[in-house]
PDB file of N, CA and C in Angstrom:
ATOM      1  N   MET A   1       4.582  13.949 -14.373  1.00  0.00           N
ATOM      2  CA  MET A   1       3.904  13.988 -13.047  1.00  0.00           C
ATOM      3  C   MET A   1       3.418  12.673 -12.741  1.00  0.00           C
ATOM      4  N   THR A   2       3.657  12.149 -11.474  1.00  0.00           N
ATOM      5  CA  THR A   2       3.185  10.911 -11.065  1.00  0.00           C
ATOM      6  C   THR A   2       1.675  11.055 -10.525  1.00  0.00           C
ATOM      7  N   ARG A   3       1.031   9.986 -10.674  1.00  0.00           N
ATOM      8  CA  ARG A   3      -0.374   9.946 -10.275  1.00  0.00           C
ATOM      9  C   ARG A   3      -0.442   9.604  -8.794  1.00  0.00           C
ATOM     10  N   SER A   4      -1.454  10.142  -8.160  1.00  0.00           N
ATOM     11  CA  SER A   4      -1.556   9.865  -6.704  1.00  0.00           C
ATOM     12  C   SER A   4      -2.017   8.470  -6.500  1.00  0.00           C
ATOM     13  N   LEU A   5      -1.892   7.939  -5.299  1.00  0.00           N
ATOM     14  CA  LEU A   5      -2.273   6.574  -4.998  1.00  0.00           C
ATOM     15  C   LEU A   5      -3.697   6.351  -5.287  1.00  0.00           C
ATOM     16  N   THR A   6      -4.561   7.316  -4.974  1.00  0.00           N
ATOM     17  CA  THR A   6      -6.035   7.127  -5.105  1.00  0.00           C
ATOM     18  C   THR A   6      -6.336   7.092  -6.639  1.00  0.00           C
ATOM     19  N   GLU A   7      -5.558   7.784  -7.440  1.00  0.00           N
ATOM     20  CA  GLU A   7      -5.773   7.793  -8.936  1.00  0.00           C
ATOM     21  C   GLU A   7      -5.336   6.455  -9.510  1.00  0.00           C
ATOM     22  N   LYS A   8      -4.153   6.155  -9.129  1.00  0.00           N
ATOM     23  CA  LYS A   8      -3.432   4.922  -9.659  1.00  0.00           C
ATOM     24  C   LYS A   8      -4.119   3.603  -9.330  1.00  0.00           C
ATOM     25  N   PHE A   9      -4.681   3.530  -8.122  1.00  0.00           N
ATOM     26  CA  PHE A   9      -5.322   2.343  -7.547  1.00  0.00           C
ATOM     27  C   PHE A   9      -6.817   2.587  -7.331  1.00  0.00           C
ATOM     28  N   ARG A  10      -7.440   3.422  -8.079  1.00  0.00           N
ATOM     29  CA  ARG A  10      -8.877   3.698  -7.790  1.00  0.00           C
ATOM     30  C   ARG A  10      -9.772   2.489  -7.861  1.00  0.00           C
ATOM     31  N   ARG A  11      -9.516   1.538  -8.677  1.00  0.00           N
ATOM     32  CA  ARG A  11     -10.346   0.280  -8.795  1.00  0.00           C
ATOM     33  C   ARG A  11     -10.118  -0.577  -7.627  1.00  0.00           C
ATOM     34  N   HIS A  12      -9.100  -0.352  -6.695  1.00  0.00           N
ATOM     35  CA  HIS A  12      -8.770  -1.217  -5.600  1.00  0.00           C
ATOM     36  C   HIS A  12      -8.897  -0.457  -4.269  1.00  0.00           C
ATOM     37  N   LEU A  13      -9.567   0.669  -4.294  1.00  0.00           N
ATOM     38  CA  LEU A  13      -9.582   1.460  -3.027  1.00  0.00           C
ATOM     39  C   LEU A  13     -10.201   0.748  -1.888  1.00  0.00           C
ATOM     40  N   SER A  14     -11.248  -0.059  -2.171  1.00  0.00           N
ATOM     41  CA  SER A  14     -11.949  -0.732  -1.059  1.00  0.00           C
ATOM     42  C   SER A  14     -11.021  -1.720  -0.401  1.00  0.00           C
ATOM     43  N   VAL A  15     -10.271  -2.492  -1.173  1.00  0.00           N
ATOM     44  CA  VAL A  15      -9.379  -3.440  -0.511  1.00  0.00           C
ATOM     45  C   VAL A  15      -8.216  -2.784   0.245  1.00  0.00           C
ATOM     46  N   LEU A  16      -7.799  -1.600  -0.316  1.00  0.00           N
ATOM     47  CA  LEU A  16      -6.728  -0.790   0.374  1.00  0.00           C
ATOM     48  C   LEU A  16      -7.281  -0.269   1.697  1.00  0.00           C
ATOM     49  N   GLU A  17      -8.436   0.145   1.718  1.00  0.00           N
ATOM     50  CA  GLU A  17      -9.145   0.727   2.971  1.00  0.00           C
ATOM     51  C   GLU A  17      -9.291  -0.522   3.898  1.00  0.00           C
ATOM     52  N   GLN A  18      -9.664  -1.630   3.422  1.00  0.00           N
ATOM     53  CA  GLN A  18      -9.739  -2.804   4.321  1.00  0.00           C
ATOM     54  C   GLN A  18      -8.471  -3.115   4.947  1.00  0.00           C
ATOM     55  N   THR A  19      -7.370  -3.064   4.224  1.00  0.00           N
ATOM     56  CA  THR A  19      -6.049  -3.326   4.631  1.00  0.00           C
ATOM     57  C   THR A  19      -5.673  -2.298   5.817  1.00  0.00           C
ATOM     58  N   VAL A  20      -5.984  -1.060   5.622  1.00  0.00           N
ATOM     59  CA  VAL A  20      -5.673  -0.077   6.613  1.00  0.00           C
ATOM     60  C   VAL A  20      -6.491  -0.267   7.896  1.00  0.00           C
ATOM     61  N   ARG A  21      -7.723  -0.811   7.773  1.00  0.00           N
ATOM     62  CA  ARG A  21      -8.588  -1.076   8.917  1.00  0.00           C
ATOM     63  C   ARG A  21      -8.212  -2.436   9.557  1.00  0.00           C
ATOM     64  N   ARG A  22      -7.286  -3.140   8.926  1.00  0.00           N
ATOM     65  CA  ARG A  22      -6.750  -4.469   9.375  1.00  0.00           C
ATOM     66  C   ARG A  22      -7.875  -5.549   9.228  1.00  0.00           C
ATOM     67  N   GLU A  23      -8.710  -5.330   8.262  1.00  0.00           N
ATOM     68  CA  GLU A  23      -9.709  -6.328   7.956  1.00  0.00           C
ATOM     69  C   GLU A  23      -9.238  -7.395   6.893  1.00  0.00           C
ATOM     70  N   CYS A  24      -8.113  -7.174   6.356  1.00  0.00           N
ATOM     71  CA  CYS A  24      -7.501  -8.132   5.449  1.00  0.00           C
ATOM     72  C   CYS A  24      -5.973  -7.892   5.454  1.00  0.00           C
ATOM     73  N   GLU A  25      -5.205  -8.840   5.038  1.00  0.00           N
ATOM     74  CA  GLU A  25      -3.796  -8.675   4.928  1.00  0.00           C
ATOM     75  C   GLU A  25      -3.549  -8.789   3.387  1.00  0.00           C
ATOM     76  N   LEU A  26      -3.151  -7.577   2.932  1.00  0.00           N
ATOM     77  CA  LEU A  26      -3.042  -7.418   1.492  1.00  0.00           C
ATOM     78  C   LEU A  26      -2.024  -8.357   0.831  1.00  0.00           C
ATOM     79  N   ASP A  27      -0.946  -8.539   1.580  1.00  0.00           N
ATOM     80  CA  ASP A  27       0.138  -9.476   0.932  1.00  0.00           C
ATOM     81  C   ASP A  27      -0.293 -10.840   0.798  1.00  0.00           C
ATOM     82  N   HIS A  28      -1.331 -11.348   1.570  1.00  0.00           N
ATOM     83  CA  HIS A  28      -1.864 -12.675   1.437  1.00  0.00           C
ATOM     84  C   HIS A  28      -3.092 -12.678   0.591  1.00  0.00           C
ATOM     85  N   ALA A  29      -3.996 -11.699   0.750  1.00  0.00           N
ATOM     86  CA  ALA A  29      -5.255 -11.531   0.071  1.00  0.00           C
ATOM     87  C   ALA A  29      -5.085 -11.305  -1.435  1.00  0.00           C
ATOM     88  N   ASN A  30      -4.127 -10.431  -1.713  1.00  0.00           N
ATOM     89  CA  ASN A  30      -4.005 -10.063  -3.134  1.00  0.00           C
ATOM     90  C   ASN A  30      -2.461  -9.663  -3.279  1.00  0.00           C
ATOM     91  N   PRO A  31      -1.585 -10.761  -3.401  1.00  0.00           N
ATOM     92  CA  PRO A  31      -0.159 -10.481  -3.517  1.00  0.00           C
ATOM     93  C   PRO A  31       0.248  -9.705  -4.683  1.00  0.00           C
ATOM     94  N   LYS A  32      -0.489  -9.810  -5.781  1.00  0.00           N
ATOM     95  CA  LYS A  32      -0.097  -9.023  -7.063  1.00  0.00           C
ATOM     96  C   LYS A  32      -0.293  -7.480  -6.731  1.00  0.00           C
ATOM     97  N   LEU A  33      -1.382  -7.136  -6.191  1.00  0.00           N
ATOM     98  CA  LEU A  33      -1.683  -5.811  -5.786  1.00  0.00           C
ATOM     99  C   LEU A  33      -0.765  -5.289  -4.817  1.00  0.00           C
ATOM    100  N   TYR A  34      -0.371  -6.165  -3.778  1.00  0.00           N
ATOM    101  CA  TYR A  34       0.664  -5.788  -2.775  1.00  0.00           C
ATOM    102  C   TYR A  34       1.923  -5.414  -3.519  1.00  0.00           C
ATOM    103  N   ARG A  35       2.403  -6.187  -4.434  1.00  0.00           N
ATOM    104  CA  ARG A  35       3.654  -5.944  -5.067  1.00  0.00           C
ATOM    105  C   ARG A  35       3.516  -4.561  -5.845  1.00  0.00           C
ATOM    106  N   LYS A  36       2.425  -4.236  -6.431  1.00  0.00           N
ATOM    107  CA  LYS A  36       2.174  -3.020  -7.155  1.00  0.00           C
ATOM    108  C   LYS A  36       2.323  -1.771  -6.194  1.00  0.00           C
ATOM    109  N   VAL A  37       1.595  -1.997  -5.009  1.00  0.00           N
ATOM    110  CA  VAL A  37       1.585  -0.930  -4.027  1.00  0.00           C
ATOM    111  C   VAL A  37       3.038  -0.742  -3.445  1.00  0.00           C
ATOM    112  N   TYR A  38       3.711  -1.849  -3.199  1.00  0.00           N
ATOM    113  CA  TYR A  38       5.040  -1.777  -2.734  1.00  0.00           C
ATOM    114  C   TYR A  38       5.911  -0.945  -3.719  1.00  0.00           C
ATOM    115  N   ARG A  39       5.895  -1.333  -4.915  1.00  0.00           N
ATOM    116  CA  ARG A  39       6.533  -0.650  -5.994  1.00  0.00           C
ATOM    117  C   ARG A  39       6.177   0.812  -6.069  1.00  0.00           C
ATOM    118  N   TYR A  40       4.912   1.206  -5.940  1.00  0.00           N
ATOM    119  CA  TYR A  40       4.517   2.494  -5.952  1.00  0.00           C
ATOM    120  C   TYR A  40       5.143   3.263  -4.937  1.00  0.00           C
ATOM    121  N   PHE A  41       5.171   2.887  -3.660  1.00  0.00           N
ATOM    122  CA  PHE A  41       5.729   3.578  -2.564  1.00  0.00           C
ATOM    123  C   PHE A  41       7.344   3.618  -2.697  1.00  0.00           C
ATOM    124  N   LYS A  42       7.889   2.558  -3.218  1.00  0.00           N
ATOM    125  CA  LYS A  42       9.362   2.641  -3.544  1.00  0.00           C
ATOM    126  C   LYS A  42       9.755   3.757  -4.475  1.00  0.00           C
ATOM    127  N   ASP A  43       8.849   3.823  -5.554  1.00  0.00           N
ATOM    128  CA  ASP A  43       9.137   4.812  -6.538  1.00  0.00           C
ATOM    129  C   ASP A  43       8.907   6.259  -5.987  1.00  0.00           C
ATOM    130  N   GLN A  44       8.032   6.280  -4.872  1.00  0.00           N
ATOM    131  CA  GLN A  44       7.774   7.601  -4.303  1.00  0.00           C
ATOM    132  C   GLN A  44       8.912   7.943  -3.312  1.00  0.00           C
ATOM    133  N   GLY A  45       9.852   7.124  -3.090  1.00  0.00           N
ATOM    134  CA  GLY A  45      11.033   7.429  -2.240  1.00  0.00           C
ATOM    135  C   GLY A  45      11.002   6.857  -0.870  1.00  0.00           C
ATOM    136  N   VAL A  46       9.989   5.928  -0.585  1.00  0.00           N
ATOM    137  CA  VAL A  46       9.881   5.321   0.741  1.00  0.00           C
ATOM    138  C   VAL A  46      11.055   4.338   0.787  1.00  0.00           C
ATOM    139  N   GLU A  47      11.730   4.325   1.868  1.00  0.00           N
ATOM    140  CA  GLU A  47      12.895   3.387   2.107  1.00  0.00           C
ATOM    141  C   GLU A  47      12.413   2.218   2.976  1.00  0.00           C
ATOM    142  N   PHE A  48      12.496   1.109   2.423  1.00  0.00           N
ATOM    143  CA  PHE A  48      12.018  -0.069   3.165  1.00  0.00           C
ATOM    144  C   PHE A  48      13.182  -0.744   3.948  1.00  0.00           C
ATOM    145  N   TYR A  49      12.738  -1.549   4.873  1.00  0.00           N
ATOM    146  CA  TYR A  49      13.703  -2.244   5.870  1.00  0.00           C
ATOM    147  C   TYR A  49      14.358  -3.501   5.404  1.00  0.00           C
ATOM    148  N   GLY A  50      13.687  -4.143   4.399  1.00  0.00           N
ATOM    149  CA  GLY A  50      14.220  -5.328   3.925  1.00  0.00           C
ATOM    150  C   GLY A  50      13.654  -6.582   4.736  1.00  0.00           C
ATOM    151  N   ASN A  51      12.891  -6.329   5.702  1.00  0.00           N
ATOM    152  CA  ASN A  51      12.207  -7.395   6.504  1.00  0.00           C
ATOM    153  C   ASN A  51      10.779  -7.388   6.052  1.00  0.00           C
ATOM    154  N   PRO A  52      10.166  -8.496   5.607  1.00  0.00           N
ATOM    155  CA  PRO A  52       8.843  -8.547   5.113  1.00  0.00           C
ATOM    156  C   PRO A  52       7.671  -8.056   6.061  1.00  0.00           C
ATOM    157  N   ASP A  53       7.828  -8.374   7.359  1.00  0.00           N
ATOM    158  CA  ASP A  53       6.822  -7.886   8.351  1.00  0.00           C
ATOM    159  C   ASP A  53       6.927  -6.465   8.509  1.00  0.00           C
ATOM    160  N   ASP A  54       8.139  -5.959   8.708  1.00  0.00           N
ATOM    161  CA  ASP A  54       8.363  -4.475   8.876  1.00  0.00           C
ATOM    162  C   ASP A  54       7.991  -3.638   7.621  1.00  0.00           C
ATOM    163  N   ASP A  55       8.333  -4.241   6.496  1.00  0.00           N
ATOM    164  CA  ASP A  55       7.819  -3.550   5.194  1.00  0.00           C
ATOM    165  C   ASP A  55       6.385  -3.403   5.089  1.00  0.00           C
ATOM    166  N   TYR A  56       5.676  -4.513   5.470  1.00  0.00           N
ATOM    167  CA  TYR A  56       4.190  -4.633   5.430  1.00  0.00           C
ATOM    168  C   TYR A  56       3.680  -3.544   6.278  1.00  0.00           C
ATOM    169  N   GLU A  57       4.185  -3.452   7.509  1.00  0.00           N
ATOM    170  CA  GLU A  57       3.582  -2.482   8.462  1.00  0.00           C
ATOM    171  C   GLU A  57       3.790  -0.993   7.909  1.00  0.00           C
ATOM    172  N   LEU A  58       5.030  -0.848   7.326  1.00  0.00           N
ATOM    173  CA  LEU A  58       5.278   0.477   6.710  1.00  0.00           C
ATOM    174  C   LEU A  58       4.384   0.782   5.613  1.00  0.00           C
ATOM    175  N   ILE A  59       3.987  -0.146   4.687  1.00  0.00           N
ATOM    176  CA  ILE A  59       3.023   0.007   3.725  1.00  0.00           C
ATOM    177  C   ILE A  59       1.788   0.404   4.260  1.00  0.00           C
ATOM    178  N   VAL A  60       1.278  -0.365   5.314  1.00  0.00           N
ATOM    179  CA  VAL A  60      -0.037  -0.043   5.857  1.00  0.00           C
ATOM    180  C   VAL A  60      -0.041   1.438   6.397  1.00  0.00           C
ATOM    181  N   GLU A  61       1.059   1.872   7.064  1.00  0.00           N
ATOM    182  CA  GLU A  61       1.084   3.291   7.570  1.00  0.00           C
ATOM    183  C   GLU A  61       1.065   4.203   6.417  1.00  0.00           C
ATOM    184  N   GLU A  62       1.815   3.957   5.320  1.00  0.00           N
ATOM    185  CA  GLU A  62       1.854   4.850   4.185  1.00  0.00           C
ATOM    186  C   GLU A  62       0.429   4.889   3.522  1.00  0.00           C
ATOM    187  N   LEU A  63      -0.197   3.739   3.394  1.00  0.00           N
ATOM    188  CA  LEU A  63      -1.563   3.724   2.763  1.00  0.00           C
ATOM    189  C   LEU A  63      -2.530   4.566   3.699  1.00  0.00           C
ATOM    190  N   GLU A  64      -2.426   4.377   4.958  1.00  0.00           N
ATOM    191  CA  GLU A  64      -3.297   5.176   5.839  1.00  0.00           C
ATOM    192  C   GLU A  64      -3.078   6.679   5.713  1.00  0.00           C
ATOM    193  N   ALA A  65      -1.835   7.093   5.562  1.00  0.00           N
ATOM    194  CA  ALA A  65      -1.537   8.496   5.377  1.00  0.00           C
ATOM    195  C   ALA A  65      -2.071   8.928   4.025  1.00  0.00           C
ATOM    196  N   GLU A  66      -1.908   8.153   3.006  1.00  0.00           N
ATOM    197  CA  GLU A  66      -2.380   8.619   1.641  1.00  0.00           C
ATOM    198  C   GLU A  66      -3.913   8.662   1.602  1.00  0.00           C
ATOM    199  N   LEU A  67      -4.537   7.644   2.135  1.00  0.00           N
ATOM    200  CA  LEU A  67      -5.999   7.619   2.025  1.00  0.00           C
ATOM    201  C   LEU A  67      -6.781   8.646   2.862  1.00  0.00           C
ATOM    202  N   ASN A  68      -5.967   9.142   3.897  1.00  0.00           N
ATOM    203  CA  ASN A  68      -6.589  10.101   4.814  1.00  0.00           C
ATOM    204  C   ASN A  68      -6.210  11.543   4.402  1.00  0.00           C
ATOM    205  N   LYS A  69      -5.723  11.732   3.263  1.00  0.00           N
ATOM    206  CA  LYS A  69      -5.360  13.048   2.796  1.00  0.00           C
ATOM    207  C   LYS A  69      -6.580  13.773   2.313  1.00  0.00           C
TER     208      LYS A  69
END
């Protein structure tokens, strides 16, 4: 069983919430965490576009959906 986003990234929830509120850009503020979040969503079956800007927007949308559950 895979862990939920909030379980897996519980130590980083504040920065993920800031990302959703557009207070920071995760890919620039914390690239290592961004790569981990990207990989998490890819493992969850999210299909990315291959364009860094579009992929970032998709991650923000997915983060928002997960954090608002």
